[in-house]
């Protein structure tokens, strides 16, 4: 199930939770909806907010909140948390 999460672009445990909630196999294995994914470019590299968060070791929620508040991408990605 963890491999399915990774391959489908889902957070850890999503497929398992979907099965526990009674989703059909087809529904449980649907990939992440990419219509709301925000892509950020910094120093010539373009990644989603979740990929930047993983790469930088910060929470995706923190990064997304910074972008929603109108922070410039460079500041959002380089400002230490805490």
PDB file of N, CA and C in Angstrom:
ATOM      1  N   UNK A   1       0.809  -1.186   0.000  1.00  0.00           N
ATOM      2  CA  UNK A   1       0.000   0.000   0.000  1.00  0.00           C
ATOM      3  C   UNK A   1       0.857   1.256   0.000  1.00  0.00           C
ATOM      4  N   UNK A   2       1.978   1.217   0.707  1.00  0.00           N
ATOM      5  CA  UNK A   2       2.869   2.379   0.731  1.00  0.00           C
ATOM      6  C   UNK A   2       3.421   2.671  -0.657  1.00  0.00           C
ATOM      7  N   UNK A   3       3.728   1.627  -1.403  1.00  0.00           N
ATOM      8  CA  UNK A   3       4.233   1.819  -2.769  1.00  0.00           C
ATOM      9  C   UNK A   3       3.145   2.446  -3.644  1.00  0.00           C
ATOM     10  N   UNK A   4       1.910   2.015  -3.485  1.00  0.00           N
ATOM     11  CA  UNK A   4       0.817   2.625  -4.244  1.00  0.00           C
ATOM     12  C   UNK A   4       0.702   4.105  -3.895  1.00  0.00           C
ATOM     13  N   UNK A   5       0.823   4.445  -2.611  1.00  0.00           N
ATOM     14  CA  UNK A   5       0.787   5.854  -2.208  1.00  0.00           C
ATOM     15  C   UNK A   5       1.829   6.652  -2.982  1.00  0.00           C
ATOM     16  N   UNK A   6       3.064   6.152  -2.991  1.00  0.00           N
ATOM     17  CA  UNK A   6       4.150   6.862  -3.682  1.00  0.00           C
ATOM     18  C   UNK A   6       3.879   6.977  -5.171  1.00  0.00           C
ATOM     19  N   UNK A   7       3.503   5.867  -5.803  1.00  0.00           N
ATOM     20  CA  UNK A   7       3.297   5.858  -7.250  1.00  0.00           C
ATOM     21  C   UNK A   7       2.131   6.738  -7.673  1.00  0.00           C
ATOM     22  N   UNK A   8       1.140   6.894  -6.825  1.00  0.00           N
ATOM     23  CA  UNK A   8      -0.044   7.684  -7.154  1.00  0.00           C
ATOM     24  C   UNK A   8       0.073   9.136  -6.695  1.00  0.00           C
ATOM     25  N   UNK A   9       1.192   9.478  -6.049  1.00  0.00           N
ATOM     26  CA  UNK A   9       1.389  10.839  -5.571  1.00  0.00           C
ATOM     27  C   UNK A   9       0.540  11.181  -4.356  1.00  0.00           C
ATOM     28  N   UNK A  10       0.244  10.172  -3.553  1.00  0.00           N
ATOM     29  CA  UNK A  10      -0.605  10.356  -2.384  1.00  0.00           C
ATOM     30  C   UNK A  10       0.236  10.414  -1.116  1.00  0.00           C
ATOM     31  N   UNK A  11      -0.310  11.019  -0.097  1.00  0.00           N
ATOM     32  CA  UNK A  11       0.358  11.037   1.202  1.00  0.00           C
ATOM     33  C   UNK A  11       0.400   9.620   1.770  1.00  0.00           C
ATOM     34  N   UNK A  12       1.351   9.400   2.670  1.00  0.00           N
ATOM     35  CA  UNK A  12       1.525   8.086   3.279  1.00  0.00           C
ATOM     36  C   UNK A  12       0.238   7.635   3.970  1.00  0.00           C
ATOM     37  N   UNK A  13      -0.198   6.434   3.666  1.00  0.00           N
ATOM     38  CA  UNK A  13      -1.347   5.844   4.321  1.00  0.00           C
ATOM     39  C   UNK A  13      -2.691   6.128   3.679  1.00  0.00           C
ATOM     40  N   UNK A  14      -2.714   6.909   2.604  1.00  0.00           N
ATOM     41  CA  UNK A  14      -3.996   7.270   1.986  1.00  0.00           C
ATOM     42  C   UNK A  14      -4.710   6.043   1.428  1.00  0.00           C
ATOM     43  N   UNK A  15      -3.991   5.186   0.698  1.00  0.00           N
ATOM     44  CA  UNK A  15      -4.636   4.008   0.106  1.00  0.00           C
ATOM     45  C   UNK A  15      -5.217   3.123   1.211  1.00  0.00           C
ATOM     46  N   UNK A  16      -4.452   2.919   2.270  1.00  0.00           N
ATOM     47  CA  UNK A  16      -4.938   2.099   3.388  1.00  0.00           C
ATOM     48  C   UNK A  16      -6.204   2.691   3.987  1.00  0.00           C
ATOM     49  N   UNK A  17      -6.192   4.016   4.228  1.00  0.00           N
ATOM     50  CA  UNK A  17      -7.379   4.665   4.795  1.00  0.00           C
ATOM     51  C   UNK A  17      -8.569   4.554   3.853  1.00  0.00           C
ATOM     52  N   UNK A  18      -8.324   4.666   2.564  1.00  0.00           N
ATOM     53  CA  UNK A  18      -9.422   4.540   1.610  1.00  0.00           C
ATOM     54  C   UNK A  18     -10.050   3.149   1.682  1.00  0.00           C
ATOM     55  N   UNK A  19      -9.212   2.116   1.757  1.00  0.00           N
ATOM     56  CA  UNK A  19      -9.741   0.754   1.888  1.00  0.00           C
ATOM     57  C   UNK A  19     -10.526   0.608   3.199  1.00  0.00           C
ATOM     58  N   UNK A  20      -9.991   1.153   4.286  1.00  0.00           N
ATOM     59  CA  UNK A  20     -10.671   1.067   5.583  1.00  0.00           C
ATOM     60  C   UNK A  20     -12.027   1.771   5.557  1.00  0.00           C
ATOM     61  N   UNK A  21     -12.135   2.810   4.733  1.00  0.00           N
ATOM     62  CA  UNK A  21     -13.390   3.549   4.618  1.00  0.00           C
ATOM     63  C   UNK A  21     -14.372   2.898   3.658  1.00  0.00           C
ATOM     64  N   UNK A  22     -13.952   1.779   3.049  1.00  0.00           N
ATOM     65  CA  UNK A  22     -14.850   1.041   2.182  1.00  0.00           C
ATOM     66  C   UNK A  22     -14.837   1.441   0.722  1.00  0.00           C
ATOM     67  N   UNK A  23     -13.809   2.192   0.303  1.00  0.00           N
ATOM     68  CA  UNK A  23     -13.711   2.568  -1.105  1.00  0.00           C
ATOM     69  C   UNK A  23     -13.576   1.316  -1.963  1.00  0.00           C
ATOM     70  N   UNK A  24     -14.088   1.379  -3.191  1.00  0.00           N
ATOM     71  CA  UNK A  24     -13.839   0.297  -4.144  1.00  0.00           C
ATOM     72  C   UNK A  24     -12.354   0.334  -4.502  1.00  0.00           C
ATOM     73  N   UNK A  25     -11.863  -0.751  -5.082  1.00  0.00           N
ATOM     74  CA  UNK A  25     -10.453  -0.788  -5.487  1.00  0.00           C
ATOM     75  C   UNK A  25     -10.150   0.352  -6.465  1.00  0.00           C
ATOM     76  N   UNK A  26     -11.031   0.552  -7.434  1.00  0.00           N
ATOM     77  CA  UNK A  26     -10.820   1.606  -8.434  1.00  0.00           C
ATOM     78  C   UNK A  26     -10.728   2.982  -7.771  1.00  0.00           C
ATOM     79  N   UNK A  27     -11.620   3.258  -6.809  1.00  0.00           N
ATOM     80  CA  UNK A  27     -11.609   4.550  -6.120  1.00  0.00           C
ATOM     81  C   UNK A  27     -10.386   4.684  -5.208  1.00  0.00           C
ATOM     82  N   UNK A  28     -10.030   3.608  -4.519  1.00  0.00           N
ATOM     83  CA  UNK A  28      -8.905   3.647  -3.589  1.00  0.00           C
ATOM     84  C   UNK A  28      -7.591   3.908  -4.310  1.00  0.00           C
ATOM     85  N   UNK A  29      -7.503   3.476  -5.560  1.00  0.00           N
ATOM     86  CA  UNK A  29      -6.250   3.612  -6.307  1.00  0.00           C
ATOM     87  C   UNK A  29      -6.266   4.778  -7.279  1.00  0.00           C
ATOM     88  N   UNK A  30      -7.166   5.727  -7.089  1.00  0.00           N
ATOM     89  CA  UNK A  30      -7.163   6.915  -7.932  1.00  0.00           C
ATOM     90  C   UNK A  30      -5.991   7.801  -7.540  1.00  0.00           C
ATOM     91  N   UNK A  31      -5.283   8.328  -8.535  1.00  0.00           N
ATOM     92  CA  UNK A  31      -4.141   9.198  -8.214  1.00  0.00           C
ATOM     93  C   UNK A  31      -4.611  10.521  -7.626  1.00  0.00           C
ATOM     94  N   UNK A  32      -3.659  11.236  -7.109  1.00  0.00           N
ATOM     95  CA  UNK A  32      -3.921  12.541  -6.534  1.00  0.00           C
ATOM     96  C   UNK A  32      -4.515  13.461  -7.592  1.00  0.00           C
ATOM     97  N   UNK A  33      -5.486  14.261  -7.207  1.00  0.00           N
ATOM     98  CA  UNK A  33      -6.066  15.255  -8.103  1.00  0.00           C
ATOM     99  C   UNK A  33      -5.049  16.377  -8.264  1.00  0.00           C
ATOM    100  N   UNK A  34      -4.533  16.536  -9.458  1.00  0.00           N
ATOM    101  CA  UNK A  34      -3.480  17.517  -9.699  1.00  0.00           C
ATOM    102  C   UNK A  34      -4.023  18.896 -10.062  1.00  0.00           C
ATOM    103  N   UNK A  35      -5.340  19.068 -10.067  1.00  0.00           N
ATOM    104  CA  UNK A  35      -5.912  20.351 -10.468  1.00  0.00           C
ATOM    105  C   UNK A  35      -5.600  21.474  -9.484  1.00  0.00           C
ATOM    106  N   UNK A  36      -5.280  21.117  -8.242  1.00  0.00           N
ATOM    107  CA  UNK A  36      -4.989  22.159  -7.252  1.00  0.00           C
ATOM    108  C   UNK A  36      -3.528  22.168  -6.811  1.00  0.00           C
ATOM    109  N   UNK A  37      -2.657  21.492  -7.557  1.00  0.00           N
ATOM    110  CA  UNK A  37      -1.238  21.449  -7.211  1.00  0.00           C
ATOM    111  C   UNK A  37      -0.574  22.753  -7.646  1.00  0.00           C
ATOM    112  N   UNK A  38       0.142  23.375  -6.717  1.00  0.00           N
ATOM    113  CA  UNK A  38       0.854  24.610  -7.012  1.00  0.00           C
ATOM    114  C   UNK A  38       2.307  24.264  -7.297  1.00  0.00           C
ATOM    115  N   UNK A  39       2.792  24.732  -8.446  1.00  0.00           N
ATOM    116  CA  UNK A  39       4.180  24.510  -8.823  1.00  0.00           C
ATOM    117  C   UNK A  39       4.967  25.791  -8.550  1.00  0.00           C
ATOM    118  N   UNK A  40       6.148  25.637  -7.950  1.00  0.00           N
ATOM    119  CA  UNK A  40       7.003  26.774  -7.626  1.00  0.00           C
ATOM    120  C   UNK A  40       8.354  26.600  -8.294  1.00  0.00           C
ATOM    121  N   UNK A  41       8.869  27.677  -8.870  1.00  0.00           N
ATOM    122  CA  UNK A  41      10.180  27.647  -9.506  1.00  0.00           C
ATOM    123  C   UNK A  41      11.134  28.524  -8.715  1.00  0.00           C
ATOM    124  N   UNK A  42      12.293  27.957  -8.387  1.00  0.00           N
ATOM    125  CA  UNK A  42      13.326  28.675  -7.650  1.00  0.00           C
ATOM    126  C   UNK A  42      14.678  28.172  -8.140  1.00  0.00           C
ATOM    127  N   UNK A  43      15.554  29.083  -8.478  1.00  0.00           N
ATOM    128  CA  UNK A  43      16.890  28.747  -8.992  1.00  0.00           C
ATOM    129  C   UNK A  43      16.816  27.765 -10.157  1.00  0.00           C
ATOM    130  N   UNK A  44      15.848  27.950 -11.043  1.00  0.00           N
ATOM    131  CA  UNK A  44      15.725  27.117 -12.235  1.00  0.00           C
ATOM    132  C   UNK A  44      15.116  25.742 -12.008  1.00  0.00           C
ATOM    133  N   UNK A  45      14.664  25.455 -10.792  1.00  0.00           N
ATOM    134  CA  UNK A  45      14.070  24.152 -10.480  1.00  0.00           C
ATOM    135  C   UNK A  45      12.586  24.343 -10.169  1.00  0.00           C
ATOM    136  N   UNK A  46      11.739  23.576 -10.836  1.00  0.00           N
ATOM    137  CA  UNK A  46      10.298  23.668 -10.626  1.00  0.00           C
ATOM    138  C   UNK A  46       9.795  22.388  -9.970  1.00  0.00           C
ATOM    139  N   UNK A  47       9.171  22.557  -8.795  1.00  0.00           N
ATOM    140  CA  UNK A  47       8.620  21.436  -8.043  1.00  0.00           C
ATOM    141  C   UNK A  47       7.287  21.854  -7.451  1.00  0.00           C
ATOM    142  N   UNK A  48       6.485  20.872  -7.068  1.00  0.00           N
ATOM    143  CA  UNK A  48       5.236  21.156  -6.361  1.00  0.00           C
ATOM    144  C   UNK A  48       5.570  21.606  -4.940  1.00  0.00           C
ATOM    145  N   UNK A  49       4.585  22.222  -4.282  1.00  0.00           N
ATOM    146  CA  UNK A  49       4.828  22.637  -2.898  1.00  0.00           C
ATOM    147  C   UNK A  49       5.165  21.434  -2.019  1.00  0.00           C
ATOM    148  N   UNK A  50       4.514  20.302  -2.271  1.00  0.00           N
ATOM    149  CA  UNK A  50       4.813  19.119  -1.446  1.00  0.00           C
ATOM    150  C   UNK A  50       6.235  18.623  -1.701  1.00  0.00           C
ATOM    151  N   UNK A  51       6.683  18.664  -2.946  1.00  0.00           N
ATOM    152  CA  UNK A  51       8.052  18.222  -3.253  1.00  0.00           C
ATOM    153  C   UNK A  51       9.076  19.180  -2.652  1.00  0.00           C
ATOM    154  N   UNK A  52       8.819  20.490  -2.732  1.00  0.00           N
ATOM    155  CA  UNK A  52       9.730  21.455  -2.100  1.00  0.00           C
ATOM    156  C   UNK A  52       9.771  21.227  -0.591  1.00  0.00           C
ATOM    157  N   UNK A  53       8.616  21.010   0.013  1.00  0.00           N
ATOM    158  CA  UNK A  53       8.573  20.800   1.464  1.00  0.00           C
ATOM    159  C   UNK A  53       9.413  19.586   1.859  1.00  0.00           C
ATOM    160  N   UNK A  54       9.264  18.484   1.121  1.00  0.00           N
ATOM    161  CA  UNK A  54      10.076  17.285   1.407  1.00  0.00           C
ATOM    162  C   UNK A  54      11.561  17.583   1.237  1.00  0.00           C
ATOM    163  N   UNK A  55      11.894  18.260   0.146  1.00  0.00           N
ATOM    164  CA  UNK A  55      13.302  18.557  -0.153  1.00  0.00           C
ATOM    165  C   UNK A  55      13.933  19.449   0.917  1.00  0.00           C
ATOM    166  N   UNK A  56      13.145  20.400   1.427  1.00  0.00           N
ATOM    167  CA  UNK A  56      13.671  21.362   2.392  1.00  0.00           C
ATOM    168  C   UNK A  56      13.461  20.958   3.847  1.00  0.00           C
ATOM    169  N   UNK A  57      12.679  19.897   4.065  1.00  0.00           N
ATOM    170  CA  UNK A  57      12.446  19.432   5.423  1.00  0.00           C
ATOM    171  C   UNK A  57      11.504  20.319   6.226  1.00  0.00           C
ATOM    172  N   UNK A  58      10.544  20.940   5.529  1.00  0.00           N
ATOM    173  CA  UNK A  58       9.535  21.729   6.222  1.00  0.00           C
ATOM    174  C   UNK A  58       8.158  21.137   5.926  1.00  0.00           C
ATOM    175  N   UNK A  59       7.166  21.545   6.675  1.00  0.00           N
ATOM    176  CA  UNK A  59       5.824  21.015   6.464  1.00  0.00           C
ATOM    177  C   UNK A  59       5.195  21.675   5.235  1.00  0.00           C
ATOM    178  N   UNK A  60       4.480  20.871   4.456  1.00  0.00           N
ATOM    179  CA  UNK A  60       3.808  21.392   3.268  1.00  0.00           C
ATOM    180  C   UNK A  60       2.809  22.475   3.666  1.00  0.00           C
ATOM    181  N   UNK A  61       2.118  22.281   4.786  1.00  0.00           N
ATOM    182  CA  UNK A  61       1.154  23.261   5.256  1.00  0.00           C
ATOM    183  C   UNK A  61       1.816  24.624   5.450  1.00  0.00           C
ATOM    184  N   UNK A  62       3.021  24.638   6.030  1.00  0.00           N
ATOM    185  CA  UNK A  62       3.751  25.879   6.271  1.00  0.00           C
ATOM    186  C   UNK A  62       4.084  26.568   4.960  1.00  0.00           C
ATOM    187  N   UNK A  63       4.610  25.806   4.021  1.00  0.00           N
ATOM    188  CA  UNK A  63       4.982  26.377   2.724  1.00  0.00           C
ATOM    189  C   UNK A  63       3.751  26.894   1.984  1.00  0.00           C
ATOM    190  N   UNK A  64       2.682  26.109   1.958  1.00  0.00           N
ATOM    191  CA  UNK A  64       1.460  26.528   1.270  1.00  0.00           C
ATOM    192  C   UNK A  64       0.878  27.786   1.910  1.00  0.00           C
ATOM    193  N   UNK A  65       0.921  27.873   3.231  1.00  0.00           N
ATOM    194  CA  UNK A  65       0.407  29.056   3.925  1.00  0.00           C
ATOM    195  C   UNK A  65       1.214  30.290   3.551  1.00  0.00           C
ATOM    196  N   UNK A  66       2.517  30.147   3.459  1.00  0.00           N
ATOM    197  CA  UNK A  66       3.368  31.272   3.068  1.00  0.00           C
ATOM    198  C   UNK A  66       3.003  31.772   1.666  1.00  0.00           C
ATOM    199  N   UNK A  67       2.802  30.845   0.755  1.00  0.00           N
ATOM    200  CA  UNK A  67       2.449  31.224  -0.624  1.00  0.00           C
ATOM    201  C   UNK A  67       1.077  31.880  -0.647  1.00  0.00           C
ATOM    202  N   UNK A  68       0.107  31.329   0.088  1.00  0.00           N
ATOM    203  CA  UNK A  68      -1.237  31.921   0.144  1.00  0.00           C
ATOM    204  C   UNK A  68      -1.206  33.340   0.702  1.00  0.00           C
ATOM    205  N   UNK A  69      -0.287  33.590   1.626  1.00  0.00           N
ATOM    206  CA  UNK A  69      -0.169  34.927   2.222  1.00  0.00           C
ATOM    207  C   UNK A  69       0.541  35.913   1.299  1.00  0.00           C
ATOM    208  N   UNK A  70       1.012  35.419   0.148  1.00  0.00           N
ATOM    209  CA  UNK A  70       1.639  36.302  -0.826  1.00  0.00           C
ATOM    210  C   UNK A  70       3.146  36.441  -0.709  1.00  0.00           C
ATOM    211  N   UNK A  71       3.769  35.553   0.066  1.00  0.00           N
ATOM    212  CA  UNK A  71       5.225  35.608   0.173  1.00  0.00           C
ATOM    213  C   UNK A  71       5.848  35.346  -1.198  1.00  0.00           C
ATOM    214  N   UNK A  72       6.941  36.040  -1.527  1.00  0.00           N
ATOM    215  CA  UNK A  72       7.686  35.694  -2.741  1.00  0.00           C
ATOM    216  C   UNK A  72       8.229  34.267  -2.603  1.00  0.00           C
ATOM    217  N   UNK A  73       8.355  33.563  -3.715  1.00  0.00           N
ATOM    218  CA  UNK A  73       8.794  32.168  -3.686  1.00  0.00           C
ATOM    219  C   UNK A  73      10.126  32.018  -2.955  1.00  0.00           C
ATOM    220  N   UNK A  74      11.087  32.875  -3.268  1.00  0.00           N
ATOM    221  CA  UNK A  74      12.404  32.758  -2.630  1.00  0.00           C
ATOM    222  C   UNK A  74      12.294  32.863  -1.110  1.00  0.00           C
ATOM    223  N   UNK A  75      11.514  33.824  -0.620  1.00  0.00           N
ATOM    224  CA  UNK A  75      11.354  33.970   0.826  1.00  0.00           C
ATOM    225  C   UNK A  75      10.632  32.781   1.425  1.00  0.00           C
ATOM    226  N   UNK A  76       9.595  32.298   0.747  1.00  0.00           N
ATOM    227  CA  UNK A  76       8.816  31.158   1.244  1.00  0.00           C
ATOM    228  C   UNK A  76       9.692  29.906   1.384  1.00  0.00           C
ATOM    229  N   UNK A  77      10.625  29.741   0.447  1.00  0.00           N
ATOM    230  CA  UNK A  77      11.467  28.545   0.448  1.00  0.00           C
ATOM    231  C   UNK A  77      12.705  28.659   1.331  1.00  0.00           C
ATOM    232  N   UNK A  78      13.154  29.865   1.595  1.00  0.00           N
ATOM    233  CA  UNK A  78      14.437  30.000   2.302  1.00  0.00           C
ATOM    234  C   UNK A  78      14.324  30.494   3.745  1.00  0.00           C
ATOM    235  N   UNK A  79      13.154  30.962   4.161  1.00  0.00           N
ATOM    236  CA  UNK A  79      12.989  31.425   5.533  1.00  0.00           C
ATOM    237  C   UNK A  79      12.906  30.227   6.489  1.00  0.00           C
ATOM    238  N   UNK A  80      13.776  30.195   7.479  1.00  0.00           N
ATOM    239  CA  UNK A  80      13.728  29.076   8.433  1.00  0.00           C
ATOM    240  C   UNK A  80      12.399  29.051   9.180  1.00  0.00           C
ATOM    241  N   UNK A  81      12.005  27.878   9.581  1.00  0.00           N
ATOM    242  CA  UNK A  81      10.768  27.707  10.350  1.00  0.00           C
ATOM    243  C   UNK A  81      11.107  27.858  11.824  1.00  0.00           C
ATOM    244  N   UNK A  82      10.240  28.549  12.528  1.00  0.00           N
ATOM    245  CA  UNK A  82      10.400  28.541  13.948  1.00  0.00           C
ATOM    246  C   UNK A  82      10.675  29.825  14.582  1.00  0.00           C
TER     247      UNK A  82
END
